[in-house]
Amino acid sequence: LPLPGLARWGYVLRTADDAARLRERLTPGARVVVLGSGFIGCEVAATARTLGCDVAVVSLDPQPMVRPLGAELGAAMQRRHESHGVMFHLGRTALALHGRDTRVTSVSLSDGTELPADVVVEAVGSVPNVGWLDGNGLDLSDGVLVDSAMQVMASPAPAVAVGDVSRHPNALFGPTPRRVEHWSVPTATGRRAGATVAALLAGGEPDRSPFAVLPSFWSDQYASQVQSFGMPDLGDRRVLVEGDIDGPCIVEYFDATGLVGVVGIDRTADLGPYRASLMDRPFVSG
C-alpha cells in the first residue's frame, strides 16, 4: 500500500524469513494492527491473539474473508474473532503510519481513528510480478494468459507459465481464464506445463484437451479449521446444509451450472464426498 511509514515499519508475510521476523514481535501485550481481512490477515490476527497480543484488523471489505466465504459466513468468522478479543475496523482504510526511530507507534485511519500500534502487518493480497514481460505483446492484464496446455498465449517463443502467475482456463468452471492462488493449482499446472515442454522438445504437439483442476484451501484460525473445495467465490447462492453457521457447519455454493464450491468449518471428515462430486462436474464450455 502507498502509505507513509509502511515501507519503514510494516511487516509482510511472503517468505519464511518474514515469518521469523514477525514472530519475534508477537509478544504478550504487543499492539498489532493488521491491514487486510483476507485469509493471511485473519490467520495473523488469530495467531497474534493466541500469543497474547492486542489485535485490530483494518479492511475496506464489509466482512472478513468475504470474497471466498460470502457475507454470511464471513460475518460468522468475524464473530469468532471478536469472541477472542479481536477488534475490527471494516469499511475503512489506513492513511499513514506514525512512529519514531525503528518503531511504529500508531496508524491513522480514514475515519479519523488513531490506532496505537507496536506492529503493523500488511496483508492486502498479491499482484503477479509480470512487469519484466512488458513489451512482448502478451496479455498481462492479470498474470500471464495461457491456454489449456499452460502455453503462453501470443508468445513469440514456446513459453509456459504456471502457479500464481498463470491465468488459465479450468474446464470445471467455464472458459474464463482465472488466476487461482490455492495450493493445489501450482502442482496441477506444473504437471500440465511439464508435459507441454516435453512434447515441444520432442517435436510434437502439446495436449490441448480441456484442463481441469479442483482448487482447494484450508485455514487454521484458533482451534478451528476452515476448509474448501471448488470455487465458492463464483457462487451467487449459498446454502447452509449442516450445522450452525457460528459453529461446525457446511455451506454449499451454487451458480447457474450447479454446485461450484463448498466450505466446511471443523467438518473436514465430511467434505470428502464433495471433492469427488465437484471433480465429476461436466465440463463447462461457455
Protein backbone atom coordinates (compact mmCIF):
# COMPACT_ATOMS: atom_id res chain seq x y z
CA LEU A 1 0.00 0.00 0.00
CA PRO A 2 1.25 3.55 -0.72
CA LEU A 3 1.16 4.60 2.94
CA PRO A 4 3.64 6.95 4.60
CA GLY A 5 5.74 4.93 7.01
CA LEU A 6 4.71 1.48 5.80
CA ALA A 7 7.95 0.67 4.00
CA ARG A 8 9.89 1.64 7.12
CA TRP A 9 7.82 -0.01 9.85
CA GLY A 10 5.46 -2.51 8.23
CA TYR A 11 5.74 -6.29 8.08
CA VAL A 12 4.65 -8.58 5.25
CA LEU A 13 4.36 -12.38 5.03
CA ARG A 14 5.91 -13.63 1.81
CA THR A 15 8.81 -15.79 2.99
CA ALA A 16 9.89 -17.92 5.94
CA ASP A 17 12.27 -15.12 6.93
CA ASP A 18 9.32 -12.70 7.02
CA ALA A 19 7.52 -15.08 9.37
CA ALA A 20 10.56 -15.41 11.63
CA ARG A 21 10.95 -11.62 11.90
CA LEU A 22 7.28 -11.18 12.68
CA ARG A 23 7.31 -13.99 15.25
CA GLU A 24 9.89 -12.09 17.31
CA ARG A 25 7.48 -9.16 17.65
CA LEU A 26 4.33 -11.09 18.56
CA THR A 27 4.84 -10.93 22.30
CA PRO A 28 2.17 -10.68 25.03
CA GLY A 29 0.73 -7.18 25.19
CA ALA A 30 2.07 -6.09 21.80
CA ARG A 31 -0.44 -3.90 19.94
CA VAL A 32 -0.82 -5.44 16.49
CA VAL A 33 -2.63 -3.75 13.61
CA VAL A 34 -3.37 -5.98 10.61
CA LEU A 35 -4.12 -4.24 7.31
CA GLY A 36 -6.38 -6.61 5.37
CA SER A 37 -9.02 -9.15 6.36
CA GLY A 38 -8.39 -12.00 3.94
CA PHE A 39 -7.01 -15.37 4.99
CA ILE A 40 -3.48 -14.14 5.69
CA GLY A 41 -4.76 -11.19 7.71
CA CYS A 42 -7.18 -13.30 9.73
CA GLU A 43 -4.62 -16.05 10.33
CA VAL A 44 -2.12 -13.47 11.59
CA ALA A 45 -4.83 -11.95 13.79
CA ALA A 46 -5.69 -15.35 15.28
CA THR A 47 -2.06 -16.26 15.89
CA ALA A 48 -1.24 -12.89 17.42
CA ARG A 49 -4.27 -13.02 19.68
CA THR A 50 -3.41 -16.56 20.78
CA LEU A 51 0.06 -15.29 21.71
CA GLY A 52 -1.46 -12.60 23.92
CA CYS A 53 -1.26 -9.59 21.62
CA ASP A 54 -3.91 -6.87 21.37
CA VAL A 55 -5.16 -7.09 17.78
CA ALA A 56 -7.04 -4.73 15.47
CA VAL A 57 -7.92 -5.59 11.85
CA VAL A 58 -8.44 -2.78 9.31
CA SER A 59 -10.09 -3.51 5.95
CA LEU A 60 -12.19 -1.89 3.23
CA ASP A 61 -14.22 -5.10 2.98
CA PRO A 62 -17.61 -5.29 4.75
CA GLN A 63 -16.78 -8.71 6.26
CA PRO A 64 -13.52 -10.60 6.70
CA MET A 65 -12.74 -13.22 4.03
CA VAL A 66 -15.88 -12.08 2.19
CA ARG A 67 -14.72 -12.98 -1.32
CA PRO A 68 -14.21 -16.72 -0.79
CA LEU A 69 -16.72 -17.21 2.03
CA GLY A 70 -19.54 -14.76 1.26
CA ALA A 71 -21.15 -12.24 3.57
CA GLU A 72 -22.93 -14.65 5.93
CA LEU A 73 -20.02 -16.96 6.67
CA GLY A 74 -17.60 -14.03 6.66
CA ALA A 75 -19.71 -12.32 9.33
CA ALA A 76 -19.75 -15.54 11.34
CA MET A 77 -15.96 -15.73 11.18
CA GLN A 78 -15.83 -12.11 12.34
CA ARG A 79 -17.89 -13.06 15.38
CA ARG A 80 -15.47 -15.89 16.14
CA HIS A 81 -12.55 -13.44 16.09
CA GLU A 82 -14.42 -10.90 18.17
CA SER A 83 -15.16 -13.57 20.78
CA HIS A 84 -11.39 -13.92 21.12
CA GLY A 85 -10.96 -10.16 21.53
CA VAL A 86 -10.02 -9.02 18.01
CA MET A 87 -11.30 -5.54 17.10
CA PHE A 88 -12.43 -4.94 13.50
CA HIS A 89 -12.41 -1.60 11.67
CA LEU A 90 -14.21 -2.53 8.44
CA GLY A 91 -15.20 -0.29 5.55
CA ARG A 92 -12.21 1.96 6.12
CA THR A 93 -8.54 2.07 5.31
CA ALA A 94 -5.26 3.23 6.77
CA LEU A 95 -3.86 6.63 5.76
CA ALA A 96 -0.45 6.67 7.42
CA LEU A 97 1.84 5.05 9.96
CA HIS A 98 3.49 7.15 12.65
CA GLY A 99 6.50 6.35 14.77
CA ARG A 100 9.98 7.21 15.85
CA ASP A 101 13.34 5.66 15.08
CA THR A 102 12.81 1.97 14.33
CA ARG A 103 9.38 1.58 15.92
CA VAL A 104 5.86 2.38 14.80
CA THR A 105 3.57 3.97 17.40
CA SER A 106 0.19 4.39 15.68
CA VAL A 107 -1.87 4.07 12.49
CA SER A 108 -4.24 6.77 11.21
CA LEU A 109 -7.49 5.53 9.63
CA SER A 110 -9.73 7.14 7.04
CA ASP A 111 -12.49 7.78 9.60
CA GLY A 112 -10.16 9.78 11.87
CA THR A 113 -9.41 6.92 14.26
CA GLU A 114 -5.85 6.70 15.56
CA LEU A 115 -4.92 3.12 16.47
CA PRO A 116 -1.97 2.61 18.82
CA ALA A 117 0.43 0.11 17.30
CA ASP A 118 3.67 -1.68 18.06
CA VAL A 119 3.45 -3.96 15.00
CA VAL A 120 1.74 -3.35 11.64
CA VAL A 121 1.24 -6.26 9.24
CA GLU A 122 0.31 -5.63 5.61
CA ALA A 123 -1.92 -8.46 4.33
CA VAL A 124 -3.77 -6.99 1.36
CA GLY A 125 -3.22 -9.67 -1.28
CA SER A 126 -0.69 -10.06 -4.05
CA VAL A 127 -0.04 -8.75 -7.53
CA PRO A 128 1.62 -11.00 -10.13
CA ASN A 129 5.16 -9.87 -10.91
CA VAL A 130 4.95 -9.64 -14.71
CA GLY A 131 6.45 -6.21 -15.37
CA TRP A 132 9.61 -7.78 -16.76
CA LEU A 133 7.48 -9.21 -19.61
CA ASP A 134 6.17 -5.84 -20.77
CA GLY A 135 6.67 -5.12 -24.45
CA ASN A 136 6.36 -8.71 -25.66
CA GLY A 137 2.77 -8.42 -26.85
CA LEU A 138 1.46 -10.73 -24.14
CA ASP A 139 -1.82 -10.44 -22.24
CA LEU A 140 -0.60 -9.48 -18.76
CA SER A 141 -3.83 -7.94 -17.51
CA ASP A 142 -3.88 -10.32 -14.53
CA GLY A 143 -0.92 -12.61 -14.63
CA VAL A 144 0.21 -14.37 -17.81
CA LEU A 145 -2.59 -15.61 -20.06
CA VAL A 146 -2.09 -19.25 -21.10
CA ASP A 147 -4.10 -21.88 -22.96
CA SER A 148 -5.19 -25.29 -21.68
CA ALA A 149 -1.65 -26.62 -22.20
CA MET A 150 -0.24 -23.81 -20.00
CA GLN A 151 1.47 -22.40 -23.10
CA VAL A 152 1.69 -18.62 -23.05
CA MET A 153 -0.76 -17.07 -25.49
CA ALA A 154 0.70 -14.87 -28.24
CA SER A 155 4.24 -15.64 -27.13
CA PRO A 156 6.91 -15.49 -29.86
CA ALA A 157 8.68 -18.33 -28.02
CA PRO A 158 7.22 -21.64 -26.77
CA ALA A 159 6.94 -20.50 -23.16
CA VAL A 160 4.77 -21.87 -20.37
CA ALA A 161 3.50 -20.26 -17.16
CA VAL A 162 2.27 -21.98 -14.00
CA GLY A 163 1.11 -21.35 -10.46
CA ASP A 164 0.04 -18.00 -9.09
CA VAL A 165 1.26 -16.09 -12.14
CA SER A 166 -0.72 -18.23 -14.62
CA ARG A 167 -4.17 -17.11 -15.78
CA HIS A 168 -5.60 -20.28 -17.22
CA PRO A 169 -8.92 -21.84 -18.22
CA ASN A 170 -10.44 -24.51 -15.98
CA ALA A 171 -12.99 -26.68 -17.73
CA LEU A 172 -14.76 -27.46 -14.45
CA PHE A 173 -15.77 -23.82 -14.06
CA GLY A 174 -16.12 -22.44 -17.58
CA PRO A 175 -13.87 -20.99 -20.27
CA THR A 176 -12.96 -17.75 -18.46
CA PRO A 177 -9.22 -17.84 -17.64
CA ARG A 178 -8.54 -17.11 -13.96
CA ARG A 179 -5.61 -16.87 -11.59
CA VAL A 180 -6.23 -19.08 -8.58
CA GLU A 181 -3.82 -18.78 -5.65
CA HIS A 182 -4.73 -22.03 -3.89
CA TRP A 183 -2.12 -24.61 -3.01
CA SER A 184 -3.40 -27.35 -5.36
CA VAL A 185 -3.09 -25.22 -8.51
CA PRO A 186 0.73 -24.90 -8.84
CA THR A 187 1.10 -28.69 -8.79
CA ALA A 188 -1.61 -29.30 -11.40
CA THR A 189 -0.49 -26.50 -13.72
CA GLY A 190 3.13 -27.60 -13.27
CA ARG A 191 2.33 -31.14 -14.37
CA ARG A 192 0.47 -29.88 -17.42
CA ALA A 193 3.27 -27.46 -18.32
CA GLY A 194 5.88 -30.21 -17.90
CA ALA A 195 4.02 -32.41 -20.36
CA THR A 196 3.78 -29.46 -22.76
CA VAL A 197 7.53 -28.78 -22.60
CA ALA A 198 8.30 -32.48 -23.11
CA ALA A 199 6.05 -32.61 -26.17
CA LEU A 200 7.59 -29.48 -27.67
CA LEU A 201 11.15 -30.72 -27.09
CA ALA A 202 10.24 -33.98 -28.82
CA GLY A 203 8.91 -32.06 -31.81
CA GLY A 204 5.32 -32.98 -31.05
CA GLU A 205 2.14 -31.09 -30.28
CA PRO A 206 1.12 -30.47 -26.67
CA ASP A 207 -2.09 -31.87 -25.21
CA ARG A 208 -4.66 -29.10 -25.63
CA SER A 209 -7.62 -31.03 -24.30
CA PRO A 210 -9.64 -29.27 -21.57
CA PHE A 211 -7.64 -28.64 -18.42
CA ALA A 212 -9.39 -29.29 -15.12
CA VAL A 213 -8.17 -28.78 -11.58
CA LEU A 214 -10.15 -28.61 -8.34
CA PRO A 215 -8.96 -25.66 -6.24
CA SER A 216 -8.87 -26.26 -2.52
CA PHE A 217 -7.72 -24.39 0.56
CA TRP A 218 -7.73 -24.59 4.31
CA SER A 219 -7.11 -22.08 7.05
CA ASP A 220 -6.36 -22.69 10.72
CA GLN A 221 -7.69 -19.94 12.99
CA TYR A 222 -7.67 -20.55 16.73
CA ALA A 223 -8.89 -24.12 17.23
CA SER A 224 -11.00 -24.08 14.06
CA GLN A 225 -10.13 -25.23 10.57
CA VAL A 226 -11.83 -23.69 7.54
CA GLN A 227 -11.63 -25.97 4.51
CA SER A 228 -12.94 -25.62 0.96
CA PHE A 229 -13.16 -27.41 -2.37
CA GLY A 230 -14.08 -25.81 -5.67
CA MET A 231 -14.58 -22.10 -6.30
CA PRO A 232 -17.12 -20.82 -3.79
CA ASP A 233 -16.39 -17.23 -4.84
CA LEU A 234 -18.21 -17.97 -8.12
CA GLY A 235 -21.43 -18.81 -6.32
CA ASP A 236 -24.36 -16.40 -6.30
CA ARG A 237 -26.41 -18.60 -3.94
CA ARG A 238 -25.28 -20.07 -0.64
CA VAL A 239 -27.00 -22.76 1.42
CA LEU A 240 -26.19 -23.78 4.98
CA VAL A 241 -26.75 -27.52 4.72
CA GLU A 242 -25.40 -28.79 8.03
CA GLY A 243 -24.61 -27.39 11.44
CA ASP A 244 -24.72 -23.87 12.85
CA ILE A 245 -23.03 -21.02 11.00
CA ASP A 246 -21.45 -19.93 14.29
CA GLY A 247 -20.19 -23.46 14.98
CA PRO A 248 -19.17 -26.52 12.96
CA CYS A 249 -21.01 -26.28 9.63
CA ILE A 250 -21.05 -26.95 5.90
CA VAL A 251 -22.06 -24.30 3.36
CA GLU A 252 -22.69 -25.10 -0.31
CA TYR A 253 -22.21 -22.51 -3.08
CA PHE A 254 -24.14 -22.56 -6.37
CA ASP A 255 -24.26 -20.71 -9.66
CA ALA A 256 -26.41 -21.35 -12.74
CA THR A 257 -24.43 -24.51 -13.53
CA GLY A 258 -24.99 -26.09 -10.11
CA LEU A 259 -22.69 -26.67 -7.16
CA VAL A 260 -19.41 -24.78 -7.64
CA GLY A 261 -17.92 -24.96 -4.16
CA VAL A 262 -18.23 -25.96 -0.55
CA VAL A 263 -16.81 -24.60 2.68
CA GLY A 264 -16.71 -26.54 5.92
CA ILE A 265 -15.73 -25.33 9.36
CA ASP A 266 -14.49 -28.12 11.63
CA ARG A 267 -16.12 -30.66 9.30
CA THR A 268 -13.03 -31.96 7.48
CA ALA A 269 -14.09 -35.61 7.59
CA ASP A 270 -17.43 -34.76 5.96
CA LEU A 271 -16.06 -32.90 2.93
CA GLY A 272 -14.58 -35.87 1.07
CA PRO A 273 -17.72 -36.63 -0.97
CA TYR A 274 -17.84 -33.01 -2.13
CA ARG A 275 -14.39 -33.32 -3.61
CA ALA A 276 -15.50 -36.26 -5.73
CA SER A 277 -18.77 -34.66 -6.83
CA LEU A 278 -17.09 -31.40 -7.83
CA MET A 279 -14.46 -33.26 -9.85
CA ASP A 280 -17.33 -35.02 -11.63
CA ARG A 281 -18.89 -31.75 -12.78
CA PRO A 282 -19.46 -31.77 -16.56
CA PHE A 283 -17.04 -29.53 -18.36
CA VAL A 284 -18.46 -26.06 -18.96
CA SER A 285 -17.72 -24.81 -22.47
CA GLY A 286 -19.46 -21.45 -22.50
